[in-house]
């Protein structure tokens, strides 16, 4: 009896492991565009920060 329970549990677990990846939500075009916008904003922020540091250095007389 115990072997039957173990096999049943293993079968259920296997079925879940096979079925769950198929249920994942696929990324749509709006979500992809949103990620690209996020990346662009992050890069722009980094460039602005770098420019600000260069301006501060120039104001102090330091040149890089």
Protein backbone atom coordinates (compact mmCIF):
# COMPACT_ATOMS: atom_id res chain seq x y z
CA UNK A 1 0.00 0.00 0.00
CA UNK A 2 2.80 2.39 0.85
CA UNK A 3 4.47 1.86 -2.54
CA UNK A 4 1.22 2.75 -4.30
CA UNK A 5 0.98 6.03 -2.36
CA UNK A 6 4.57 6.92 -3.18
CA UNK A 7 4.05 6.18 -6.87
CA UNK A 8 0.83 8.20 -6.89
CA UNK A 9 2.54 11.16 -5.27
CA UNK A 10 5.45 10.92 -7.72
CA UNK A 11 3.02 10.81 -10.64
CA UNK A 12 1.16 13.90 -9.41
CA UNK A 13 4.43 15.78 -8.85
CA UNK A 14 5.65 14.87 -12.33
CA UNK A 15 2.40 16.02 -13.90
CA UNK A 16 2.64 19.36 -12.09
CA UNK A 17 6.25 19.88 -13.10
CA UNK A 18 5.34 19.27 -16.74
CA UNK A 19 2.16 21.39 -16.69
CA UNK A 20 3.34 24.47 -14.76
CA UNK A 21 5.81 25.87 -17.33
CA UNK A 22 3.04 25.87 -19.92
CA UNK A 23 0.96 28.17 -17.71
CA UNK A 24 3.50 30.98 -17.57
CA UNK A 25 2.25 34.24 -18.99
CA UNK A 26 3.99 35.26 -22.19
CA UNK A 27 5.38 38.78 -22.37
CA UNK A 28 3.35 40.98 -24.68
CA UNK A 29 4.53 43.83 -26.91
CA UNK A 30 3.57 46.51 -24.37
CA UNK A 31 5.59 44.81 -21.63
CA UNK A 32 8.60 44.53 -23.95
CA UNK A 33 8.30 48.20 -24.88
CA UNK A 34 8.03 49.12 -21.20
CA UNK A 35 11.25 47.28 -20.43
CA UNK A 36 12.99 49.08 -23.27
CA UNK A 37 11.76 52.44 -21.95
CA UNK A 38 13.00 51.55 -18.47
CA UNK A 39 16.43 50.70 -19.86
CA UNK A 40 16.58 53.92 -21.89
CA UNK A 41 15.61 56.03 -18.86
CA UNK A 42 18.23 54.29 -16.73
CA UNK A 43 20.96 54.92 -19.33
CA UNK A 44 19.90 58.55 -19.68
CA UNK A 45 20.02 58.97 -15.91
CA UNK A 46 23.53 57.57 -15.81
CA UNK A 47 24.65 59.94 -18.56
CA UNK A 48 23.09 62.93 -16.77
CA UNK A 49 24.82 61.93 -13.55
CA UNK A 50 28.14 61.64 -15.37
CA UNK A 51 27.63 65.04 -17.00
CA UNK A 52 26.84 66.56 -13.61
CA UNK A 53 30.05 65.15 -12.16
CA UNK A 54 32.03 66.56 -15.11
CA UNK A 55 30.44 69.98 -14.58
CA UNK A 56 31.32 69.89 -10.88
CA UNK A 57 34.89 68.87 -11.68
CA UNK A 58 35.17 71.67 -14.26
CA UNK A 59 33.81 74.18 -11.75
CA UNK A 60 36.49 73.09 -9.25
CA UNK A 61 39.16 73.34 -11.91
CA UNK A 62 39.77 69.59 -12.17
CA UNK A 63 39.92 68.20 -15.67
CA UNK A 64 39.43 64.57 -16.59
